[in-house]
Each structure stands twice: as structure tokens, then as C-alpha cells.
N, C-alpha and C. Protein backbone atom coordinates (compact mmCIF):
# COMPACT_ATOMS: atom_id res chain seq x y z
N MET A 1 -7.17 -23.28 -11.14
CA MET A 1 -8.56 -23.02 -10.59
C MET A 1 -9.28 -24.27 -10.22
N ASP A 2 -9.69 -24.28 -9.08
CA ASP A 2 -10.41 -25.34 -8.54
C ASP A 2 -11.91 -25.25 -8.92
N GLY A 3 -12.56 -26.18 -8.97
CA GLY A 3 -13.91 -26.38 -9.38
C GLY A 3 -14.11 -26.29 -10.86
N PRO A 4 -15.41 -26.41 -11.22
CA PRO A 4 -15.67 -26.32 -12.74
C PRO A 4 -15.24 -24.97 -13.36
N ARG A 5 -15.00 -25.12 -14.69
CA ARG A 5 -14.43 -23.92 -15.31
C ARG A 5 -15.72 -23.11 -15.81
N ARG A 6 -16.69 -23.60 -15.86
CA ARG A 6 -17.91 -22.96 -16.36
C ARG A 6 -19.06 -22.98 -15.17
N LEU A 7 -19.85 -22.14 -14.87
CA LEU A 7 -20.97 -22.16 -14.08
C LEU A 7 -22.23 -21.65 -14.50
N TYR A 8 -23.28 -22.03 -14.28
CA TYR A 8 -24.60 -21.70 -14.87
C TYR A 8 -25.70 -21.27 -13.92
N LYS A 9 -26.48 -20.23 -14.38
CA LYS A 9 -27.53 -19.57 -13.64
C LYS A 9 -28.78 -20.00 -14.36
N TYR A 10 -29.67 -20.66 -13.69
CA TYR A 10 -30.89 -21.09 -14.41
C TYR A 10 -31.93 -19.87 -14.06
N GLN A 11 -32.72 -19.26 -15.01
CA GLN A 11 -33.72 -18.30 -14.76
C GLN A 11 -35.01 -18.53 -15.64
N PRO A 12 -36.11 -18.10 -14.84
CA PRO A 12 -37.47 -18.07 -15.54
C PRO A 12 -37.48 -17.07 -16.42
N PRO A 13 -38.39 -17.27 -17.50
CA PRO A 13 -38.44 -16.25 -18.55
C PRO A 13 -39.32 -15.08 -18.09
N ARG A 14 -38.80 -14.28 -17.24
CA ARG A 14 -39.57 -13.09 -16.88
C ARG A 14 -38.89 -11.82 -17.45
N LYS A 15 -39.69 -10.74 -17.54
CA LYS A 15 -39.02 -9.48 -18.03
C LYS A 15 -37.69 -8.99 -17.55
N GLU A 16 -37.91 -9.08 -15.95
CA GLU A 16 -36.71 -8.54 -15.17
C GLU A 16 -35.27 -9.41 -15.36
N ASN A 17 -35.54 -10.75 -15.59
CA ASN A 17 -34.42 -11.62 -15.91
C ASN A 17 -33.87 -11.27 -17.14
N ILE A 18 -34.74 -11.11 -18.24
CA ILE A 18 -34.44 -10.88 -19.73
C ILE A 18 -33.47 -9.41 -19.62
N ASP A 19 -34.17 -8.35 -18.90
CA ASP A 19 -33.65 -7.28 -19.12
C ASP A 19 -32.32 -7.16 -18.23
N SER A 20 -32.05 -8.00 -17.28
CA SER A 20 -30.82 -8.26 -16.46
C SER A 20 -29.86 -8.71 -17.61
N LEU A 21 -30.06 -9.71 -18.21
CA LEU A 21 -29.30 -10.42 -19.19
C LEU A 21 -28.76 -9.28 -20.31
N CYS A 22 -29.84 -8.74 -20.76
CA CYS A 22 -29.30 -7.66 -21.75
C CYS A 22 -28.61 -6.68 -21.38
N SER A 23 -28.60 -6.35 -20.12
CA SER A 23 -27.67 -5.39 -19.61
C SER A 23 -26.45 -5.82 -19.03
N GLY A 24 -26.44 -7.08 -19.12
CA GLY A 24 -25.13 -7.73 -18.49
C GLY A 24 -25.02 -7.75 -17.05
N GLN A 25 -26.17 -7.60 -16.24
CA GLN A 25 -26.17 -7.57 -14.90
C GLN A 25 -26.73 -8.97 -14.35
N ILE A 26 -26.65 -9.25 -13.02
CA ILE A 26 -27.25 -10.51 -12.50
C ILE A 26 -27.74 -10.18 -11.15
N TRP A 27 -28.77 -10.85 -10.82
CA TRP A 27 -29.36 -10.68 -9.48
C TRP A 27 -28.84 -11.49 -8.34
N PHE A 28 -28.50 -10.74 -7.27
CA PHE A 28 -28.11 -11.47 -5.91
C PHE A 28 -29.18 -11.28 -4.95
N ALA A 29 -29.43 -12.46 -4.36
CA ALA A 29 -30.89 -12.54 -3.66
C ALA A 29 -30.44 -12.48 -2.09
N ASP A 30 -31.40 -11.83 -1.47
CA ASP A 30 -31.36 -12.03 0.05
C ASP A 30 -31.43 -13.63 0.54
N PRO A 31 -30.57 -13.98 1.29
CA PRO A 31 -30.54 -15.52 1.70
C PRO A 31 -31.82 -15.75 2.61
N MET A 32 -32.30 -14.73 3.33
CA MET A 32 -33.50 -14.86 4.19
C MET A 32 -34.70 -14.96 3.41
N ARG A 33 -34.57 -14.92 1.91
CA ARG A 33 -35.80 -15.13 1.18
C ARG A 33 -35.76 -16.60 0.48
N PHE A 34 -34.60 -17.22 0.78
CA PHE A 34 -34.46 -18.53 0.03
C PHE A 34 -35.63 -19.60 0.63
N ASN A 35 -35.90 -20.48 -0.39
CA ASN A 35 -36.83 -21.41 0.11
C ASN A 35 -36.31 -22.49 0.79
N ASP A 36 -35.04 -22.70 0.93
CA ASP A 36 -34.44 -23.71 1.52
C ASP A 36 -33.80 -23.13 2.88
N PRO A 37 -34.42 -23.42 4.01
CA PRO A 37 -33.70 -22.82 5.25
C PRO A 37 -32.28 -23.17 5.45
N TYR A 38 -31.65 -24.22 4.76
CA TYR A 38 -30.45 -24.75 5.15
C TYR A 38 -29.32 -24.03 4.06
N ASP A 39 -29.78 -23.46 3.02
CA ASP A 39 -29.06 -22.61 2.23
C ASP A 39 -28.41 -21.44 3.10
N CYS A 40 -26.95 -21.45 2.81
CA CYS A 40 -26.25 -20.30 3.56
C CYS A 40 -26.33 -20.62 5.18
N ALA A 41 -26.62 -21.80 5.50
CA ALA A 41 -26.48 -22.10 7.00
C ALA A 41 -25.14 -22.51 7.30
N TYR A 42 -24.55 -22.01 8.15
CA TYR A 42 -23.00 -22.14 8.34
C TYR A 42 -22.92 -22.10 9.92
N GLU A 43 -21.55 -22.55 10.49
CA GLU A 43 -21.20 -22.29 11.64
C GLU A 43 -19.82 -21.92 11.77
N VAL A 44 -19.59 -21.02 12.63
CA VAL A 44 -18.09 -20.48 12.68
C VAL A 44 -17.65 -21.50 13.58
N ASP A 45 -16.51 -22.08 13.44
CA ASP A 45 -15.86 -23.35 14.21
C ASP A 45 -14.86 -22.36 15.24
N GLU A 46 -15.50 -22.19 16.46
CA GLU A 46 -14.65 -21.21 17.41
C GLU A 46 -13.31 -21.86 17.71
N PRO A 47 -13.14 -23.24 18.00
CA PRO A 47 -12.10 -23.91 18.58
C PRO A 47 -10.95 -23.67 17.55
N THR A 48 -11.02 -23.52 16.38
CA THR A 48 -9.89 -23.42 15.20
C THR A 48 -9.54 -22.05 15.11
N LEU A 49 -10.07 -20.98 15.70
CA LEU A 49 -9.45 -19.67 15.63
C LEU A 49 -8.48 -19.54 16.78
N THR A 50 -7.35 -19.31 16.31
CA THR A 50 -6.07 -18.77 17.05
C THR A 50 -6.29 -17.35 17.67
N GLU A 51 -5.48 -17.00 18.51
CA GLU A 51 -5.57 -15.59 19.08
C GLU A 51 -5.11 -14.63 18.12
N GLU A 52 -4.13 -15.12 17.34
CA GLU A 52 -3.80 -14.18 15.99
C GLU A 52 -5.00 -14.17 15.07
N ASP A 53 -5.57 -15.26 14.78
CA ASP A 53 -6.71 -15.18 13.88
C ASP A 53 -7.79 -14.21 14.42
N CYS A 54 -8.11 -14.28 15.86
CA CYS A 54 -9.00 -13.40 16.23
C CYS A 54 -8.72 -11.93 16.26
N VAL A 55 -7.50 -11.68 16.65
CA VAL A 55 -6.83 -10.33 16.39
C VAL A 55 -6.96 -9.64 14.98
N ALA A 56 -6.77 -10.58 14.17
CA ALA A 56 -6.76 -10.31 12.65
C ALA A 56 -8.33 -9.96 12.37
N ILE A 57 -9.18 -10.77 12.78
CA ILE A 57 -10.47 -10.77 12.37
C ILE A 57 -11.27 -9.22 13.17
N LEU A 58 -10.76 -9.07 14.42
CA LEU A 58 -11.30 -7.95 15.09
C LEU A 58 -10.79 -6.84 14.48
N ARG A 59 -9.47 -6.76 14.05
CA ARG A 59 -8.87 -5.40 13.51
C ARG A 59 -9.76 -5.08 12.25
N ASN A 60 -9.97 -6.07 11.41
CA ASN A 60 -10.54 -5.73 10.15
C ASN A 60 -12.16 -5.29 10.57
N LEU A 61 -12.74 -5.83 11.50
CA LEU A 61 -14.19 -5.44 12.01
C LEU A 61 -14.29 -4.03 12.55
N ASP A 62 -12.94 -3.44 13.05
CA ASP A 62 -12.95 -2.35 13.70
C ASP A 62 -12.67 -1.24 12.66
N TYR A 63 -13.55 -1.01 11.69
CA TYR A 63 -13.34 -0.17 10.66
C TYR A 63 -13.24 1.43 11.25
N ARG A 64 -13.83 1.69 12.40
CA ARG A 64 -13.59 3.07 12.96
C ARG A 64 -12.18 3.24 13.50
N LYS A 65 -11.50 2.09 13.66
CA LYS A 65 -10.04 1.91 14.54
C LYS A 65 -10.13 2.79 15.54
N SER A 66 -11.26 2.11 16.52
CA SER A 66 -11.38 2.75 17.79
C SER A 66 -10.69 1.80 18.80
N LEU A 67 -10.48 0.51 18.63
CA LEU A 67 -9.74 -0.23 19.47
C LEU A 67 -8.15 -0.24 19.30
N THR A 68 -7.36 -0.12 20.51
CA THR A 68 -5.97 -0.40 20.52
C THR A 68 -5.37 -1.69 20.34
N GLU A 69 -4.29 -1.94 20.00
CA GLU A 69 -3.81 -3.21 19.77
C GLU A 69 -4.06 -4.22 21.01
N THR A 70 -3.77 -3.52 22.50
CA THR A 70 -4.00 -4.11 23.68
C THR A 70 -5.57 -4.66 23.82
N GLN A 71 -6.50 -3.93 23.47
CA GLN A 71 -7.94 -4.16 23.62
C GLN A 71 -8.19 -5.20 22.47
N LEU A 72 -7.72 -5.15 21.33
CA LEU A 72 -7.91 -6.18 20.51
C LEU A 72 -7.36 -7.58 20.93
N ALA A 73 -6.07 -7.61 21.43
CA ALA A 73 -5.41 -8.76 22.08
C ALA A 73 -6.46 -9.20 23.03
N ASP A 74 -7.04 -8.36 24.10
CA ASP A 74 -7.65 -8.79 25.16
C ASP A 74 -8.98 -9.53 24.79
N LEU A 75 -9.64 -8.92 23.56
CA LEU A 75 -10.78 -9.53 23.23
C LEU A 75 -10.62 -11.01 22.59
N ALA A 76 -9.22 -11.15 22.09
CA ALA A 76 -9.01 -12.51 21.47
C ALA A 76 -8.68 -13.58 22.34
N LYS A 77 -8.77 -13.33 23.73
CA LYS A 77 -8.41 -14.27 24.61
C LYS A 77 -9.29 -15.42 24.61
N PRO A 78 -8.98 -16.75 24.87
CA PRO A 78 -9.50 -17.87 24.63
C PRO A 78 -11.04 -17.61 25.43
N GLU A 79 -11.20 -17.31 26.41
CA GLU A 79 -12.56 -17.24 27.21
C GLU A 79 -13.51 -16.10 26.60
N LYS A 80 -12.94 -15.45 25.76
CA LYS A 80 -14.07 -14.42 24.87
C LYS A 80 -13.99 -14.88 23.44
N ARG A 81 -13.31 -15.87 23.02
CA ARG A 81 -13.28 -16.31 21.90
C ARG A 81 -14.81 -16.88 21.11
N LYS A 82 -15.75 -17.39 21.88
CA LYS A 82 -16.89 -17.86 21.50
C LYS A 82 -17.83 -16.44 21.34
N HIS A 83 -17.46 -15.40 21.86
CA HIS A 83 -17.96 -14.24 21.42
C HIS A 83 -17.69 -13.74 19.97
N ILE A 84 -16.52 -13.83 19.76
CA ILE A 84 -16.03 -13.57 18.35
C ILE A 84 -16.66 -14.36 17.35
N ALA A 85 -16.64 -15.69 17.79
CA ALA A 85 -17.16 -16.48 16.74
C ALA A 85 -18.80 -16.23 16.43
N SER A 86 -19.45 -15.95 17.49
CA SER A 86 -20.88 -15.44 17.39
C SER A 86 -20.87 -14.16 16.57
N GLY A 87 -20.01 -13.13 16.90
CA GLY A 87 -20.06 -11.97 16.32
C GLY A 87 -19.82 -11.93 14.89
N LEU A 88 -18.76 -13.01 14.57
CA LEU A 88 -18.39 -12.99 13.22
C LEU A 88 -19.45 -13.85 12.32
N LYS A 89 -20.22 -14.63 12.77
CA LYS A 89 -21.31 -15.16 12.31
C LYS A 89 -22.61 -14.07 11.84
N THR A 90 -22.84 -13.29 13.06
CA THR A 90 -23.74 -12.19 12.75
C THR A 90 -23.34 -11.14 11.71
N VAL A 91 -21.93 -10.89 11.60
CA VAL A 91 -21.69 -9.94 10.64
C VAL A 91 -21.65 -10.51 9.24
N ILE A 92 -21.33 -11.88 9.09
CA ILE A 92 -21.50 -12.67 7.84
C ILE A 92 -23.00 -12.53 7.29
N ALA A 93 -23.94 -12.98 8.28
CA ALA A 93 -25.24 -12.92 8.00
C ALA A 93 -25.64 -11.71 7.62
N GLU A 94 -25.36 -10.52 8.20
CA GLU A 94 -25.60 -9.14 8.01
C GLU A 94 -25.15 -8.59 6.48
N THR A 95 -23.98 -9.08 6.25
CA THR A 95 -23.32 -8.92 4.89
C THR A 95 -23.87 -9.61 3.85
N LEU A 96 -24.27 -10.80 3.98
CA LEU A 96 -25.00 -11.68 3.06
C LEU A 96 -26.51 -11.02 2.69
N ALA A 97 -27.04 -10.61 3.75
CA ALA A 97 -28.27 -9.85 3.54
C ALA A 97 -28.27 -8.78 2.82
N ARG A 98 -27.29 -7.90 3.25
CA ARG A 98 -27.16 -6.48 2.52
C ARG A 98 -26.58 -6.60 1.00
N LYS A 99 -25.59 -7.54 0.85
CA LYS A 99 -24.97 -7.77 -0.55
C LYS A 99 -25.53 -8.63 -1.39
N GLY A 100 -26.19 -9.72 -0.80
CA GLY A 100 -26.94 -10.89 -1.50
C GLY A 100 -26.13 -11.91 -1.94
N VAL A 101 -26.90 -13.14 -2.50
CA VAL A 101 -26.09 -14.13 -2.97
C VAL A 101 -26.55 -14.39 -4.19
N CYS A 102 -25.44 -14.96 -5.06
CA CYS A 102 -25.76 -15.54 -6.48
C CYS A 102 -25.51 -16.80 -6.60
N SER A 103 -26.47 -17.69 -6.68
CA SER A 103 -26.56 -18.99 -6.70
C SER A 103 -26.28 -19.52 -8.10
N LEU A 104 -25.20 -20.39 -8.32
CA LEU A 104 -24.70 -20.98 -9.69
C LEU A 104 -24.70 -22.47 -9.59
N ALA A 105 -24.74 -23.00 -10.71
CA ALA A 105 -24.83 -24.57 -10.77
C ALA A 105 -23.61 -24.94 -11.66
N ALA A 106 -23.23 -26.29 -11.22
CA ALA A 106 -22.11 -26.79 -12.10
C ALA A 106 -22.54 -27.45 -13.36
N SER A 107 -23.70 -27.40 -13.55
CA SER A 107 -24.15 -28.05 -15.02
C SER A 107 -25.37 -27.42 -15.45
N HIS A 108 -25.41 -27.38 -16.92
CA HIS A 108 -26.49 -26.86 -17.50
C HIS A 108 -27.48 -27.89 -17.98
N LYS A 109 -27.19 -29.19 -17.67
CA LYS A 109 -28.10 -30.31 -18.05
C LYS A 109 -28.87 -30.98 -16.98
N ASP A 110 -29.18 -30.24 -15.82
CA ASP A 110 -29.72 -30.74 -14.70
C ASP A 110 -31.25 -30.49 -14.82
N LEU A 111 -31.95 -31.59 -15.07
CA LEU A 111 -33.59 -31.37 -15.29
C LEU A 111 -34.15 -30.99 -14.30
N LEU A 112 -33.76 -31.31 -12.99
CA LEU A 112 -34.43 -30.57 -11.75
C LEU A 112 -34.34 -29.19 -11.67
N MET A 113 -32.90 -28.58 -11.95
CA MET A 113 -32.81 -27.23 -11.96
C MET A 113 -33.54 -26.73 -13.12
N TRP A 114 -33.68 -27.26 -14.24
CA TRP A 114 -34.53 -26.58 -15.27
C TRP A 114 -35.92 -26.61 -14.87
N GLY A 115 -36.45 -27.49 -14.12
CA GLY A 115 -37.64 -27.49 -13.74
C GLY A 115 -38.20 -26.52 -12.58
N HIS A 116 -37.06 -26.47 -11.61
CA HIS A 116 -37.30 -25.75 -10.35
C HIS A 116 -37.06 -24.29 -10.64
N TYR A 117 -35.98 -23.91 -11.28
CA TYR A 117 -35.41 -22.59 -11.29
C TYR A 117 -35.72 -21.97 -12.64
N ALA A 118 -35.88 -22.67 -13.65
CA ALA A 118 -36.13 -22.23 -15.16
C ALA A 118 -37.59 -22.36 -15.53
N ASP A 119 -38.49 -22.25 -14.51
CA ASP A 119 -39.96 -22.10 -14.69
C ASP A 119 -40.32 -23.34 -15.49
N CYS A 120 -40.09 -24.57 -14.99
CA CYS A 120 -40.72 -25.74 -15.52
C CYS A 120 -40.24 -25.84 -17.10
N HIS A 121 -38.82 -25.82 -17.28
CA HIS A 121 -38.25 -25.82 -18.41
C HIS A 121 -38.61 -24.84 -19.56
N ARG A 122 -39.11 -23.62 -19.14
CA ARG A 122 -39.67 -22.56 -20.03
C ARG A 122 -38.43 -21.54 -20.05
N GLY A 123 -37.73 -21.41 -19.10
CA GLY A 123 -36.79 -20.32 -19.19
C GLY A 123 -35.50 -20.47 -19.84
N PHE A 124 -34.23 -20.08 -19.18
CA PHE A 124 -33.07 -20.07 -19.95
C PHE A 124 -31.97 -20.30 -19.08
N CYS A 125 -30.74 -20.66 -19.35
CA CYS A 125 -29.72 -20.97 -18.54
C CYS A 125 -28.49 -20.06 -19.07
N ILE A 126 -28.03 -19.30 -18.05
CA ILE A 126 -26.79 -18.40 -18.64
C ILE A 126 -25.45 -19.29 -18.17
N GLU A 127 -24.53 -19.13 -19.14
CA GLU A 127 -23.23 -19.87 -18.83
C GLU A 127 -22.11 -18.79 -18.69
N PHE A 128 -21.30 -19.07 -17.48
CA PHE A 128 -20.38 -18.17 -17.06
C PHE A 128 -18.90 -18.89 -17.28
N ASP A 129 -18.13 -18.22 -17.62
CA ASP A 129 -16.79 -18.66 -17.78
C ASP A 129 -15.86 -18.22 -16.59
N ARG A 130 -15.58 -19.15 -15.89
CA ARG A 130 -14.71 -18.70 -14.66
C ARG A 130 -13.20 -18.36 -14.82
N SER A 131 -12.91 -18.38 -16.13
CA SER A 131 -11.53 -18.25 -16.35
C SER A 131 -11.24 -16.92 -16.48
N GLN A 132 -12.41 -16.13 -16.74
CA GLN A 132 -12.37 -14.62 -16.86
C GLN A 132 -12.53 -13.98 -15.45
N ASP A 133 -12.09 -12.79 -15.38
CA ASP A 133 -12.32 -12.09 -14.02
C ASP A 133 -12.74 -10.73 -14.50
N PRO A 134 -13.93 -10.22 -14.12
CA PRO A 134 -15.01 -11.13 -13.37
C PRO A 134 -15.51 -12.12 -14.39
N PHE A 135 -16.44 -12.99 -14.13
CA PHE A 135 -17.00 -13.98 -14.82
C PHE A 135 -17.40 -13.50 -16.08
N HIS A 136 -17.02 -14.04 -17.17
CA HIS A 136 -17.52 -13.57 -18.47
C HIS A 136 -18.78 -14.43 -18.91
N LEU A 137 -19.64 -13.74 -19.39
CA LEU A 137 -21.02 -14.59 -19.92
C LEU A 137 -20.69 -15.18 -21.31
N ALA A 138 -20.54 -16.48 -21.04
CA ALA A 138 -20.10 -17.20 -22.38
C ALA A 138 -21.16 -17.69 -23.20
N SER A 139 -22.33 -17.93 -22.64
CA SER A 139 -23.37 -18.18 -23.79
C SER A 139 -24.74 -18.32 -22.83
N THR A 140 -25.85 -18.44 -23.71
CA THR A 140 -27.01 -18.58 -23.05
C THR A 140 -27.78 -19.80 -23.80
N THR A 141 -28.45 -20.77 -22.88
CA THR A 141 -29.10 -21.85 -23.53
C THR A 141 -30.50 -21.73 -23.22
N ALA A 142 -31.54 -22.10 -23.97
CA ALA A 142 -32.84 -22.39 -23.67
C ALA A 142 -33.13 -23.90 -24.18
N LEU A 143 -33.89 -24.45 -23.13
CA LEU A 143 -34.34 -25.70 -23.48
C LEU A 143 -35.59 -25.85 -24.26
N SER A 144 -35.91 -26.35 -25.30
CA SER A 144 -36.96 -26.33 -26.12
C SER A 144 -37.56 -27.66 -26.08
């Protein structure tokens, strides 16, 4: 497993956050509502996409199976690749907005995170164990 074994979610002490904790659910936010415009900012690096990559991406995006293999191959040609990168970026953005993003931290001891995301140190921090699939709620910590 790459990265930290445990991840943390800082929460303010609101009723909906406590209800989510009690029901074993977690909030996934729309990235368009993030306070940092660079969160979820990314670029699809078009030159690294091979024709085979493009065909595979297009095949997966063609959920109605309306394109033939010849049409998929034609759309994957180098001169059309920039459109694939642009379209893929749009699909990713729409998917993130529809499904949401769960922001987690690598430490439960970050004072800035406690101050900003846990209501000026009045909230709580949920610990998730990444060795479990799906993540297992390991513990909750409150800063006093």
C-alpha cells in the first residue's frame, strides 16, 4: 500500500456531521463549492495519450455502444487527440461534481486543519484505516 496507512477527516461539531458519524456515512462535496480554486485543478496531458489509450478511453465513454471500432480509431488519430483530452477533462469534472470529493488528511495533529476544518479546534477528527476495504472507521479524536 502506498501512502499513509491511516487517513483523517476533520469535522466541525455540526448536527449533520455527528449524524453522519453515527450512521457510518461520510460527506462527498461538490468541488465547485471548495474555497480553494486550485483544489481539483488538473490538466489531461494530451501528448502522453497514445492512439491505443484514446481508443480505450473512447470505448469506455461510449456507454451506448454507438461507435464502431473504425469510428473509435478515427477519433483517436493524433490530430483529434486534443479534443479527446478536452472531452476527458469535461467528463472528469462532471463526474466529480455529480459524485463529489472526500477530502482526507495524512495527520490528525495538524493545528491548521483543526483550526480551519474542525471549527477552530472545537470539532472532531475521524480516523480511517486504509488497510480495510472500504476504509474502516478506526477512531474519533476530539481536541480539548
